[in-house]
Amino acid sequence: MDQSEKDLLEKNCASERPLLAYKNEKFLDTPDARSLRILSEYLYPLSHFRKEKILDTIVFFGSARTAENGPNARYYGEARELARRVTEWSNNLANSARRFVVCSGGGPGIMEAANRGAHDAGGKNVGLNIGLPFEQRPNPFITPELCFEFHYFFMRKFWFAYLAKALIVFPGGFGTLDELTEILTLVQTQKLMKKIVVVLYGTTYWKEIIN
């Protein structure tokens, strides 16, 4: 081995090893790794749901702008109370798995009210938050190990639909209507091969929206 080869070997031994592909954050944030990011938003929640034995959910949809002390405060209070009652009932079921777990979009408003009601009852609850430009933060009442942050709306919607036994839909805006009509379309086109109960909460609002 000549001196140049020795120098090359010494330089190679002193240099850092290349990053493993799955630890390379720069790569994972590229278009070429999009499929891995999508798959992660399926597998990561799945692993937590299995670990926590979450079998199915009761999903609460509704406005992020419905405040506890705002003009539609009654909806906040009623969503909180309903989630509390559902959770108390669920906690008393004789089953090793967790059934009918309260689930929301993880943000403020009606979502917070639902998670808060479940928290009041001492039960675990799920928050499926979405990263938005105005930085929607997860509310503090979500069970920490069941609080998820999504980049892709369609993966978030998948988890709403996949575990849901029922939807309780409070008055809301475009996001609420989008989530509701997505589920109804899946039912209509027979892509959702299970029975799911849909409760529209707030007669006056829904009569104005739906003929």
N, C-alpha and C. Protein backbone atom coordinates (compact mmCIF):
# COMPACT_ATOMS: atom_id res chain seq x y z
N MET A 1 0.86 -1.20 0.00
CA MET A 1 0.00 0.00 0.00
C MET A 1 0.89 1.25 0.00
N ASP A 2 0.73 2.07 -1.03
CA ASP A 2 1.56 3.27 -1.09
C ASP A 2 0.99 4.35 -0.18
N GLN A 3 1.72 5.49 -0.11
CA GLN A 3 1.35 6.54 0.83
C GLN A 3 0.00 7.16 0.50
N SER A 4 -0.31 7.33 -0.79
CA SER A 4 -1.59 7.92 -1.18
C SER A 4 -2.76 7.05 -0.74
N GLU A 5 -2.60 5.73 -0.84
CA GLU A 5 -3.65 4.81 -0.41
C GLU A 5 -3.82 4.85 1.11
N LYS A 6 -2.67 4.97 1.81
CA LYS A 6 -2.73 5.07 3.27
C LYS A 6 -3.45 6.34 3.70
N ASP A 7 -3.14 7.44 3.01
CA ASP A 7 -3.81 8.71 3.32
C ASP A 7 -5.31 8.63 3.07
N LEU A 8 -5.69 7.96 1.96
CA LEU A 8 -7.11 7.80 1.63
C LEU A 8 -7.82 6.96 2.67
N LEU A 9 -7.17 5.88 3.12
CA LEU A 9 -7.76 5.01 4.13
C LEU A 9 -7.94 5.75 5.45
N GLU A 10 -6.92 6.53 5.82
CA GLU A 10 -6.99 7.29 7.06
C GLU A 10 -8.10 8.34 7.01
N LYS A 11 -8.24 8.99 5.86
CA LYS A 11 -9.29 9.99 5.68
C LYS A 11 -10.67 9.35 5.76
N ASN A 12 -10.80 8.17 5.16
CA ASN A 12 -12.08 7.46 5.15
C ASN A 12 -12.48 7.02 6.56
N CYS A 13 -11.51 6.57 7.34
CA CYS A 13 -11.79 6.13 8.71
C CYS A 13 -12.19 7.30 9.60
N ALA A 14 -11.64 8.47 9.29
CA ALA A 14 -11.91 9.64 10.12
C ALA A 14 -13.23 10.31 9.76
N SER A 15 -13.73 10.07 8.55
CA SER A 15 -14.96 10.73 8.11
C SER A 15 -16.19 10.06 8.71
N GLU A 16 -17.29 10.80 8.76
CA GLU A 16 -18.54 10.25 9.28
C GLU A 16 -19.17 9.30 8.27
N ARG A 17 -19.86 8.30 8.79
CA ARG A 17 -20.56 7.37 7.90
C ARG A 17 -21.75 8.07 7.27
N PRO A 18 -22.13 7.67 6.05
CA PRO A 18 -23.33 8.26 5.43
C PRO A 18 -24.57 7.94 6.26
N LEU A 19 -25.52 8.85 6.23
CA LEU A 19 -26.78 8.62 6.96
C LEU A 19 -27.54 7.45 6.36
N LEU A 20 -28.16 6.65 7.23
CA LEU A 20 -29.11 5.67 6.74
C LEU A 20 -30.28 6.40 6.10
N ALA A 21 -30.82 5.86 5.03
CA ALA A 21 -31.87 6.56 4.27
C ALA A 21 -33.05 6.94 5.15
N TYR A 22 -33.46 6.04 6.04
CA TYR A 22 -34.65 6.31 6.85
C TYR A 22 -34.37 7.28 8.00
N LYS A 23 -33.09 7.67 8.18
CA LYS A 23 -32.74 8.69 9.17
C LYS A 23 -32.36 10.02 8.52
N ASN A 24 -32.45 10.07 7.22
CA ASN A 24 -32.06 11.27 6.48
C ASN A 24 -33.28 12.18 6.32
N GLU A 25 -33.42 13.14 7.21
CA GLU A 25 -34.60 14.02 7.20
C GLU A 25 -34.68 14.86 5.93
N LYS A 26 -33.52 15.23 5.41
CA LYS A 26 -33.51 16.02 4.17
C LYS A 26 -34.14 15.24 3.03
N PHE A 27 -33.81 13.95 2.95
CA PHE A 27 -34.40 13.09 1.91
C PHE A 27 -35.88 12.86 2.17
N LEU A 28 -36.24 12.60 3.42
CA LEU A 28 -37.63 12.28 3.75
C LEU A 28 -38.58 13.43 3.47
N ASP A 29 -38.04 14.63 3.34
CA ASP A 29 -38.88 15.80 3.08
C ASP A 29 -38.93 16.15 1.59
N THR A 30 -38.47 15.24 0.74
CA THR A 30 -38.46 15.49 -0.71
C THR A 30 -39.67 14.83 -1.38
N PRO A 31 -39.99 15.25 -2.62
CA PRO A 31 -41.08 14.61 -3.36
C PRO A 31 -40.87 13.11 -3.55
N ASP A 32 -39.61 12.68 -3.70
CA ASP A 32 -39.34 11.25 -3.91
C ASP A 32 -39.72 10.40 -2.71
N ALA A 33 -39.78 11.00 -1.54
CA ALA A 33 -40.11 10.25 -0.32
C ALA A 33 -41.56 10.44 0.11
N ARG A 34 -42.37 11.02 -0.77
CA ARG A 34 -43.77 11.30 -0.40
C ARG A 34 -44.51 10.02 0.02
N SER A 35 -44.29 8.94 -0.71
CA SER A 35 -44.99 7.69 -0.38
C SER A 35 -44.63 7.21 1.02
N LEU A 36 -43.40 7.46 1.45
CA LEU A 36 -42.99 7.07 2.81
C LEU A 36 -43.69 7.94 3.85
N ARG A 37 -43.85 9.21 3.55
CA ARG A 37 -44.54 10.10 4.49
C ARG A 37 -46.01 9.72 4.61
N ILE A 38 -46.63 9.40 3.49
CA ILE A 38 -48.03 8.97 3.51
C ILE A 38 -48.18 7.68 4.31
N LEU A 39 -47.30 6.73 4.06
CA LEU A 39 -47.35 5.45 4.77
C LEU A 39 -47.13 5.66 6.27
N SER A 40 -46.28 6.60 6.62
CA SER A 40 -46.03 6.89 8.04
C SER A 40 -47.30 7.38 8.74
N GLU A 41 -48.12 8.15 8.00
CA GLU A 41 -49.35 8.67 8.60
C GLU A 41 -50.44 7.60 8.68
N TYR A 42 -50.18 6.45 8.10
CA TYR A 42 -51.04 5.28 8.30
C TYR A 42 -50.49 4.41 9.44
N LEU A 43 -49.19 4.09 9.38
CA LEU A 43 -48.62 3.12 10.30
C LEU A 43 -48.41 3.68 11.72
N TYR A 44 -48.05 4.94 11.82
CA TYR A 44 -47.80 5.51 13.15
C TYR A 44 -49.07 5.52 14.01
N PRO A 45 -50.19 6.07 13.52
CA PRO A 45 -51.42 5.97 14.33
C PRO A 45 -51.84 4.52 14.57
N LEU A 46 -51.72 3.68 13.55
CA LEU A 46 -52.11 2.27 13.69
C LEU A 46 -51.39 1.62 14.86
N SER A 47 -50.09 1.86 14.96
CA SER A 47 -49.31 1.23 16.04
C SER A 47 -49.79 1.70 17.41
N HIS A 48 -50.16 2.96 17.52
CA HIS A 48 -50.65 3.49 18.80
C HIS A 48 -52.05 2.96 19.11
N PHE A 49 -52.91 2.89 18.10
CA PHE A 49 -54.25 2.36 18.34
C PHE A 49 -54.19 0.91 18.79
N ARG A 50 -53.29 0.14 18.21
CA ARG A 50 -53.14 -1.25 18.63
C ARG A 50 -52.60 -1.35 20.05
N LYS A 51 -51.61 -0.54 20.34
CA LYS A 51 -51.01 -0.56 21.68
C LYS A 51 -52.03 -0.18 22.75
N GLU A 52 -52.86 0.81 22.45
CA GLU A 52 -53.87 1.28 23.41
C GLU A 52 -55.18 0.50 23.31
N LYS A 53 -55.24 -0.48 22.42
CA LYS A 53 -56.41 -1.35 22.23
C LYS A 53 -57.67 -0.55 21.88
N ILE A 54 -57.50 0.43 21.00
CA ILE A 54 -58.64 1.23 20.53
C ILE A 54 -59.32 0.46 19.41
N LEU A 55 -60.53 -0.02 19.68
CA LEU A 55 -61.23 -0.84 18.69
C LEU A 55 -62.08 0.01 17.75
N ASP A 56 -62.78 0.98 18.31
CA ASP A 56 -63.61 1.85 17.47
C ASP A 56 -63.84 3.19 18.18
N THR A 57 -64.44 4.13 17.45
CA THR A 57 -64.56 5.50 17.97
C THR A 57 -65.94 6.09 17.72
N ILE A 58 -66.26 7.12 18.48
CA ILE A 58 -67.38 8.01 18.21
C ILE A 58 -66.76 9.36 17.84
N VAL A 59 -66.97 9.78 16.61
CA VAL A 59 -66.29 10.97 16.09
C VAL A 59 -67.18 12.20 16.23
N PHE A 60 -66.61 13.27 16.77
CA PHE A 60 -67.29 14.56 16.89
C PHE A 60 -66.71 15.52 15.86
N PHE A 61 -67.57 16.05 15.00
CA PHE A 61 -67.20 17.10 14.06
C PHE A 61 -67.90 18.40 14.47
N GLY A 62 -67.32 19.52 14.12
CA GLY A 62 -67.96 20.80 14.39
C GLY A 62 -66.98 21.95 14.29
N SER A 63 -67.48 23.14 14.44
CA SER A 63 -66.68 24.35 14.22
C SER A 63 -65.54 24.50 15.22
N ALA A 64 -64.39 24.91 14.69
CA ALA A 64 -63.24 25.24 15.54
C ALA A 64 -63.43 26.58 16.24
N ARG A 65 -64.43 27.34 15.81
CA ARG A 65 -64.62 28.69 16.34
C ARG A 65 -65.75 28.78 17.37
N THR A 66 -66.31 27.65 17.74
CA THR A 66 -67.35 27.65 18.78
C THR A 66 -66.67 27.67 20.14
N ALA A 67 -66.70 28.83 20.78
CA ALA A 67 -65.99 29.00 22.06
C ALA A 67 -66.90 28.68 23.24
N GLU A 68 -66.26 28.40 24.36
CA GLU A 68 -67.00 28.05 25.58
C GLU A 68 -67.89 29.20 26.03
N ASN A 69 -67.47 30.43 25.77
CA ASN A 69 -68.23 31.60 26.22
C ASN A 69 -68.68 32.48 25.05
N GLY A 70 -68.72 31.93 23.85
CA GLY A 70 -69.10 32.70 22.67
C GLY A 70 -70.59 32.66 22.40
N PRO A 71 -71.00 33.18 21.23
CA PRO A 71 -72.43 33.24 20.88
C PRO A 71 -73.09 31.87 20.72
N ASN A 72 -72.30 30.85 20.39
CA ASN A 72 -72.85 29.49 20.27
C ASN A 72 -72.35 28.59 21.40
N ALA A 73 -72.20 29.19 22.57
CA ALA A 73 -71.61 28.47 23.70
C ALA A 73 -72.38 27.21 24.08
N ARG A 74 -73.68 27.21 23.82
CA ARG A 74 -74.47 26.03 24.21
C ARG A 74 -74.01 24.79 23.47
N TYR A 75 -73.56 24.96 22.21
CA TYR A 75 -73.07 23.80 21.47
C TYR A 75 -71.79 23.26 22.09
N TYR A 76 -70.94 24.15 22.55
CA TYR A 76 -69.71 23.72 23.23
C TYR A 76 -70.07 22.91 24.48
N GLY A 77 -70.96 23.47 25.29
CA GLY A 77 -71.35 22.79 26.53
C GLY A 77 -72.04 21.46 26.28
N GLU A 78 -72.88 21.40 25.27
CA GLU A 78 -73.62 20.17 24.98
C GLU A 78 -72.70 19.11 24.36
N ALA A 79 -71.74 19.53 23.55
CA ALA A 79 -70.76 18.57 23.01
C ALA A 79 -69.90 18.00 24.13
N ARG A 80 -69.51 18.85 25.04
CA ARG A 80 -68.71 18.39 26.18
C ARG A 80 -69.48 17.40 27.03
N GLU A 81 -70.74 17.72 27.33
CA GLU A 81 -71.56 16.85 28.16
C GLU A 81 -71.84 15.52 27.47
N LEU A 82 -72.13 15.56 26.18
CA LEU A 82 -72.39 14.32 25.44
C LEU A 82 -71.16 13.43 25.41
N ALA A 83 -70.00 14.03 25.16
CA ALA A 83 -68.75 13.25 25.15
C ALA A 83 -68.46 12.65 26.52
N ARG A 84 -68.78 13.39 27.56
CA ARG A 84 -68.60 12.87 28.92
C ARG A 84 -69.48 11.66 29.16
N ARG A 85 -70.74 11.75 28.75
CA ARG A 85 -71.67 10.63 28.96
C ARG A 85 -71.28 9.41 28.13
N VAL A 86 -70.88 9.64 26.89
CA VAL A 86 -70.44 8.53 26.03
C VAL A 86 -69.24 7.82 26.67
N THR A 87 -68.32 8.60 27.19
CA THR A 87 -67.11 8.03 27.77
C THR A 87 -67.40 7.28 29.06
N GLU A 88 -68.26 7.83 29.90
CA GLU A 88 -68.65 7.12 31.13
C GLU A 88 -69.29 5.78 30.79
N TRP A 89 -70.17 5.78 29.79
CA TRP A 89 -70.82 4.53 29.37
C TRP A 89 -69.78 3.56 28.81
N SER A 90 -68.89 4.06 27.96
CA SER A 90 -67.86 3.22 27.35
C SER A 90 -66.94 2.61 28.39
N ASN A 91 -66.58 3.40 29.40
CA ASN A 91 -65.67 2.91 30.45
C ASN A 91 -66.26 1.75 31.23
N ASN A 92 -67.58 1.63 31.24
CA ASN A 92 -68.24 0.58 32.02
C ASN A 92 -68.55 -0.67 31.20
N LEU A 93 -68.17 -0.67 29.92
CA LEU A 93 -68.40 -1.85 29.10
C LEU A 93 -67.44 -2.97 29.50
N ALA A 94 -67.95 -4.19 29.53
CA ALA A 94 -67.12 -5.34 29.90
C ALA A 94 -66.39 -5.84 28.65
N ASN A 95 -65.26 -5.22 28.37
CA ASN A 95 -64.50 -5.58 27.18
C ASN A 95 -63.04 -5.21 27.41
N SER A 96 -62.13 -6.11 26.99
CA SER A 96 -60.71 -5.83 27.17
C SER A 96 -60.22 -4.72 26.25
N ALA A 97 -60.90 -4.56 25.11
CA ALA A 97 -60.56 -3.48 24.19
C ALA A 97 -61.33 -2.22 24.56
N ARG A 98 -60.83 -1.08 24.12
CA ARG A 98 -61.53 0.18 24.35
C ARG A 98 -62.51 0.42 23.22
N ARG A 99 -63.79 0.52 23.57
CA ARG A 99 -64.85 0.68 22.58
C ARG A 99 -65.43 2.09 22.63
N PHE A 100 -65.87 2.55 21.48
CA PHE A 100 -66.60 3.82 21.37
C PHE A 100 -65.83 4.98 22.02
N VAL A 101 -64.57 5.07 21.66
CA VAL A 101 -63.69 6.11 22.22
C VAL A 101 -63.96 7.44 21.51
N VAL A 102 -64.11 8.50 22.28
CA VAL A 102 -64.35 9.82 21.69
C VAL A 102 -63.14 10.26 20.87
N CYS A 103 -63.44 10.74 19.66
CA CYS A 103 -62.39 11.17 18.73
C CYS A 103 -62.80 12.49 18.11
N SER A 104 -61.85 13.40 17.96
CA SER A 104 -62.13 14.68 17.31
C SER A 104 -60.97 15.07 16.40
N GLY A 105 -61.13 16.21 15.75
CA GLY A 105 -60.06 16.73 14.91
C GLY A 105 -58.92 17.36 15.68
N GLY A 106 -59.02 17.35 17.00
CA GLY A 106 -57.89 17.72 17.84
C GLY A 106 -57.69 19.19 18.10
N GLY A 107 -58.46 20.06 17.45
CA GLY A 107 -58.26 21.50 17.59
C GLY A 107 -59.15 22.12 18.64
N PRO A 108 -59.44 23.42 18.50
CA PRO A 108 -60.30 24.13 19.45
C PRO A 108 -61.78 23.96 19.13
N GLY A 109 -62.63 24.73 19.81
CA GLY A 109 -64.06 24.72 19.53
C GLY A 109 -64.74 23.42 19.91
N ILE A 110 -65.58 22.92 19.02
CA ILE A 110 -66.31 21.67 19.27
C ILE A 110 -65.34 20.51 19.46
N MET A 111 -64.23 20.54 18.75
CA MET A 111 -63.23 19.48 18.91
C MET A 111 -62.70 19.45 20.34
N GLU A 112 -62.37 20.61 20.85
CA GLU A 112 -61.90 20.70 22.23
C GLU A 112 -62.97 20.25 23.21
N ALA A 113 -64.21 20.66 22.96
CA ALA A 113 -65.32 20.29 23.85
C ALA A 113 -65.46 18.78 23.95
N ALA A 114 -65.33 18.08 22.82
CA ALA A 114 -65.45 16.62 22.82
C ALA A 114 -64.33 15.98 23.62
N ASN A 115 -63.10 16.37 23.34
CA ASN A 115 -61.97 15.81 24.09
C ASN A 115 -62.05 16.17 25.57
N ARG A 116 -62.54 17.35 25.85
CA ARG A 116 -62.66 17.80 27.24
C ARG A 116 -63.69 16.98 28.00
N GLY A 117 -64.82 16.69 27.34
CA GLY A 117 -65.84 15.88 27.98
C GLY A 117 -65.34 14.48 28.31
N ALA A 118 -64.61 13.88 27.36
CA ALA A 118 -64.04 12.55 27.61
C ALA A 118 -63.02 12.61 28.74
N HIS A 119 -62.24 13.68 28.75
CA HIS A 119 -61.25 13.88 29.82
C HIS A 119 -61.95 14.04 31.17
N ASP A 120 -63.07 14.75 31.19
CA ASP A 120 -63.84 14.92 32.43
C ASP A 120 -64.25 13.57 33.01
N ALA A 121 -64.56 12.63 32.12
CA ALA A 121 -65.01 11.31 32.55
C ALA A 121 -63.85 10.36 32.87
N GLY A 122 -62.63 10.85 32.72
CA GLY A 122 -61.47 10.02 33.04
C GLY A 122 -61.14 8.99 31.98
N GLY A 123 -61.61 9.22 30.75
CA GLY A 123 -61.37 8.24 29.69
C GLY A 123 -60.34 8.71 28.68
N LYS A 124 -59.75 7.76 28.01
CA LYS A 124 -58.83 8.09 26.92
C LYS A 124 -59.64 8.63 25.74
N ASN A 125 -59.04 9.52 24.98
CA ASN A 125 -59.70 10.08 23.81
C ASN A 125 -58.68 10.41 22.75
N VAL A 126 -59.15 10.54 21.51
CA VAL A 126 -58.26 10.67 20.35
C VAL A 126 -58.38 12.06 19.75
N GLY A 127 -57.25 12.61 19.32
CA GLY A 127 -57.23 13.87 18.59
C GLY A 127 -56.44 13.71 17.30
N LEU A 128 -57.09 13.94 16.17
CA LEU A 128 -56.44 13.83 14.85
C LEU A 128 -56.24 15.25 14.31
N ASN A 129 -55.17 15.87 14.73
CA ASN A 129 -54.93 17.27 14.37
C ASN A 129 -54.32 17.37 12.96
N ILE A 130 -54.44 18.55 12.36
CA ILE A 130 -53.89 18.78 11.02
C ILE A 130 -53.02 20.03 11.06
N GLY A 131 -51.85 19.95 10.43
CA GLY A 131 -50.98 21.11 10.35
C GLY A 131 -51.52 22.11 9.34
N LEU A 132 -51.81 23.33 9.78
CA LEU A 132 -52.39 24.37 8.93
C LEU A 132 -51.53 25.63 8.97
N PRO A 133 -51.67 26.50 7.95
CA PRO A 133 -50.87 27.73 7.92
C PRO A 133 -51.04 28.60 9.16
N PHE A 134 -52.26 28.59 9.74
CA PHE A 134 -52.47 29.41 10.93
C PHE A 134 -52.21 28.62 12.21
N GLU A 135 -51.49 27.52 12.08
CA GLU A 135 -50.95 26.77 13.21
C GLU A 135 -52.01 26.34 14.22
N GLN A 136 -52.97 25.55 13.76
CA GLN A 136 -53.93 24.96 14.69
C GLN A 136 -53.18 24.06 15.66
N ARG A 137 -53.28 24.34 16.93
CA ARG A 137 -52.58 23.57 17.95
C ARG A 137 -53.52 22.52 18.55
N PRO A 138 -53.01 21.34 18.89
CA PRO A 138 -53.85 20.36 19.58
C PRO A 138 -54.34 20.92 20.91
N ASN A 139 -55.60 20.63 21.24
CA ASN A 139 -56.12 21.10 22.52
C ASN A 139 -55.52 20.26 23.66
N PRO A 140 -55.51 20.80 24.88
CA PRO A 140 -54.80 20.14 25.98
C PRO A 140 -55.53 18.95 26.60
N PHE A 141 -56.72 18.62 26.12
CA PHE A 141 -57.51 17.56 26.76
C PHE A 141 -57.37 16.20 26.07
N ILE A 142 -56.62 16.15 24.98
CA ILE A 142 -56.40 14.90 24.26
C ILE A 142 -55.45 14.01 25.07
N THR A 143 -55.72 12.72 25.09
CA THR A 143 -54.79 11.77 25.70
C THR A 143 -53.46 11.85 24.95
N PRO A 144 -52.35 12.15 25.62
CA PRO A 144 -51.08 12.41 24.91
C PRO A 144 -50.66 11.33 23.93
N GLU A 145 -50.81 10.07 24.30
CA GLU A 145 -50.38 8.98 23.42
C GLU A 145 -51.35 8.75 22.26
N LEU A 146 -52.47 9.49 22.25
CA LEU A 146 -53.44 9.37 21.16
C LEU A 146 -53.66 10.71 20.46
N CYS A 147 -52.64 11.55 20.54
CA CYS A 147 -52.66 12.86 19.88
C CYS A 147 -51.75 12.80 18.65
N PHE A 148 -52.33 13.01 17.48
CA PHE A 148 -51.59 12.85 16.23
C PHE A 148 -51.63 14.13 15.40
N GLU A 149 -50.55 14.39 14.71
CA GLU A 149 -50.45 15.55 13.82
C GLU A 149 -50.31 15.04 12.39
N PHE A 150 -51.24 15.46 11.52
CA PHE A 150 -51.23 15.01 10.12
C PHE A 150 -50.82 16.15 9.19
N HIS A 151 -50.14 15.77 8.12
CA HIS A 151 -49.88 16.70 7.02
C HIS A 151 -50.92 16.53 5.93
N TYR A 152 -51.29 15.27 5.68
CA TYR A 152 -52.19 14.95 4.56
C TYR A 152 -53.63 14.84 5.06
N PHE A 153 -54.50 15.67 4.48
CA PHE A 153 -55.91 15.63 4.85
C PHE A 153 -56.51 14.25 4.62
N PHE A 154 -56.14 13.60 3.51
CA PHE A 154 -56.80 12.32 3.19
C PHE A 154 -56.42 11.22 4.17
N MET A 155 -55.22 11.29 4.76
CA MET A 155 -54.86 10.29 5.77
C MET A 155 -55.61 10.56 7.08
N ARG A 156 -55.77 11.82 7.38
CA ARG A 156 -56.57 12.19 8.56
C ARG A 156 -58.01 11.71 8.39
N LYS A 157 -58.58 11.93 7.21
CA LYS A 157 -59.95 11.49 6.94
C LYS A 157 -60.06 9.97 7.00
N PHE A 158 -59.02 9.28 6.54
CA PHE A 158 -59.03 7.82 6.61
C PHE A 158 -59.23 7.36 8.04
N TRP A 159 -58.49 7.96 8.97
CA TRP A 159 -58.60 7.52 10.36
C TRP A 159 -59.91 7.94 11.01
N PHE A 160 -60.49 9.05 10.56
CA PHE A 160 -61.84 9.38 11.01
C PHE A 160 -62.81 8.27 10.62
N ALA A 161 -62.74 7.85 9.36
CA ALA A 161 -63.72 6.90 8.81
C ALA A 161 -63.48 5.47 9.26
N TYR A 162 -62.22 5.07 9.33
CA TYR A 162 -61.89 3.65 9.52
C TYR A 162 -62.35 3.12 10.87
N LEU A 163 -62.22 3.91 11.91
CA LEU A 163 -62.56 3.43 13.26
C LEU A 163 -63.96 3.82 13.71
N ALA A 164 -64.61 4.73 12.99
CA ALA A 164 -65.85 5.32 13.48
C ALA A 164 -67.03 4.36 13.48
N LYS A 165 -67.74 4.31 14.60
CA LYS A 165 -69.03 3.64 14.68
C LYS A 165 -70.16 4.64 14.50
N ALA A 166 -69.88 5.90 14.83
CA ALA A 166 -70.88 6.95 14.69
C ALA A 166 -70.19 8.30 14.53
N LEU A 167 -70.89 9.20 13.83
CA LEU A 167 -70.46 10.59 13.72
C LEU A 167 -71.50 11.47 14.39
N ILE A 168 -71.04 12.41 15.19
CA ILE A 168 -71.93 13.41 15.77
C ILE A 168 -71.45 14.75 15.23
N VAL A 169 -72.27 15.36 14.38
CA VAL A 169 -71.83 16.53 13.62
C VAL A 169 -72.55 17.78 14.11
N PHE A 170 -71.81 18.65 14.75
CA PHE A 170 -72.33 19.92 15.23
C PHE A 170 -72.19 20.99 14.14
N PRO A 171 -72.89 22.10 14.27
CA PRO A 171 -72.75 23.17 13.28
C PRO A 171 -71.29 23.57 13.09
N GLY A 172 -70.94 23.81 11.83
CA GLY A 172 -69.56 24.19 11.53
C GLY A 172 -69.45 24.85 10.18
N GLY A 173 -68.24 25.00 9.70
CA GLY A 173 -67.98 25.66 8.42
C GLY A 173 -67.63 24.67 7.33
N PHE A 174 -66.80 25.12 6.39
CA PHE A 174 -66.44 24.30 5.24
C PHE A 174 -65.75 22.99 5.66
N GLY A 175 -64.90 23.07 6.68
CA GLY A 175 -64.20 21.86 7.12
C GLY A 175 -65.15 20.80 7.63
N THR A 176 -66.12 21.22 8.43
CA THR A 176 -67.13 20.29 8.96
C THR A 176 -67.95 19.68 7.84
N LEU A 177 -68.38 20.51 6.89
CA LEU A 177 -69.19 20.02 5.77
C LEU A 177 -68.38 19.08 4.89
N ASP A 178 -67.10 19.38 4.70
CA ASP A 178 -66.23 18.51 3.92
C ASP A 178 -66.09 17.14 4.57
N GLU A 179 -65.87 17.13 5.87
CA GLU A 179 -65.72 15.86 6.59
C GLU A 179 -67.00 15.04 6.54
N LEU A 180 -68.15 15.71 6.74
CA LEU A 180 -69.43 15.02 6.70
C LEU A 180 -69.72 14.45 5.32
N THR A 181 -69.59 15.27 4.28
CA THR A 181 -69.94 14.80 2.93
C THR A 181 -68.98 13.73 2.43
N GLU A 182 -67.74 13.77 2.89
CA GLU A 182 -66.80 12.70 2.54
C GLU A 182 -67.31 11.35 3.03
N ILE A 183 -67.75 11.30 4.29
CA ILE A 183 -68.27 10.06 4.85
C ILE A 183 -69.54 9.63 4.14
N LEU A 184 -70.44 10.58 3.90
CA LEU A 184 -71.70 10.25 3.22
C LEU A 184 -71.45 9.73 1.81
N THR A 185 -70.46 10.29 1.13
CA THR A 185 -70.11 9.81 -0.21
C THR A 185 -69.57 8.39 -0.17
N LEU A 186 -68.74 8.09 0.83
CA LEU A 186 -68.22 6.73 0.97
C LEU A 186 -69.34 5.73 1.22
N VAL A 187 -70.32 6.14 2.00
CA VAL A 187 -71.48 5.27 2.26
C VAL A 187 -72.30 5.09 0.99
N GLN A 188 -72.58 6.20 0.31
CA GLN A 188 -73.40 6.16 -0.90
C GLN A 188 -72.78 5.28 -1.99
N THR A 189 -71.47 5.36 -2.12
CA THR A 189 -70.76 4.60 -3.17
C THR A 189 -70.33 3.21 -2.70
N GLN A 190 -70.73 2.84 -1.50
CA GLN A 190 -70.44 1.53 -0.91
C GLN A 190 -68.95 1.26 -0.78
N LYS A 191 -68.19 2.32 -0.54
CA LYS A 191 -66.76 2.17 -0.26
C LYS A 191 -66.51 1.99 1.24
N LEU A 192 -67.50 2.34 2.03
CA LEU A 192 -67.43 2.14 3.47
C LEU A 192 -68.33 0.95 3.79
N MET A 193 -67.73 -0.21 3.95
CA MET A 193 -68.51 -1.44 4.05
C MET A 193 -68.88 -1.76 5.50
N LYS A 194 -69.50 -0.81 6.14
CA LYS A 194 -70.00 -1.02 7.50
C LYS A 194 -71.12 -0.03 7.74
N LYS A 195 -71.96 -0.34 8.70
CA LYS A 195 -73.01 0.59 9.07
C LYS A 195 -72.43 1.65 10.00
N ILE A 196 -72.79 2.88 9.74
CA ILE A 196 -72.30 3.97 10.57
C ILE A 196 -73.46 4.94 10.86
N VAL A 197 -73.61 5.29 12.10
CA VAL A 197 -74.67 6.21 12.52
C VAL A 197 -74.18 7.64 12.34
N VAL A 198 -75.01 8.49 11.73
CA VAL A 198 -74.67 9.90 11.56
C VAL A 198 -75.74 10.73 12.27
N VAL A 199 -75.33 11.50 13.26
CA VAL A 199 -76.23 12.36 14.01
C VAL A 199 -75.90 13.81 13.68
N LEU A 200 -76.88 14.54 13.12
CA LEU A 200 -76.71 15.96 12.86
C LEU A 200 -77.29 16.73 14.04
N TYR A 201 -76.43 17.43 14.76
CA TYR A 201 -76.81 18.08 16.01
C TYR A 201 -77.05 19.57 15.77
N GLY A 202 -78.26 20.02 16.06
CA GLY A 202 -78.59 21.43 15.86
C GLY A 202 -79.57 21.60 14.72
N THR A 203 -80.85 21.41 14.99
CA THR A 203 -81.89 21.36 13.95
C THR A 203 -81.92 22.61 13.08
N THR A 204 -81.90 23.78 13.69
CA THR A 204 -82.02 25.03 12.94
C THR A 204 -80.91 25.17 11.90
N TYR A 205 -79.69 24.91 12.31
CA TYR A 205 -78.55 25.02 11.40
C TYR A 205 -78.66 24.05 10.24
N TRP A 206 -78.95 22.80 10.54
CA TRP A 206 -78.94 21.78 9.49
C TRP A 206 -80.11 21.93 8.52
N LYS A 207 -81.22 22.46 8.99
CA LYS A 207 -82.35 22.71 8.08
C LYS A 207 -82.02 23.82 7.09
N GLU A 208 -81.14 24.73 7.47
CA GLU A 208 -80.71 25.79 6.56
C GLU A 208 -79.69 25.27 5.55
N ILE A 209 -78.93 24.27 5.93
CA ILE A 209 -77.85 23.75 5.08
C ILE A 209 -78.33 22.68 4.12
N ILE A 210 -79.20 21.79 4.61
CA ILE A 210 -79.61 20.61 3.84
C ILE A 210 -81.11 20.67 3.57
N ASN A 211 -81.48 20.44 2.32
CA ASN A 211 -82.89 20.39 1.94
C ASN A 211 -83.42 19.00 2.27
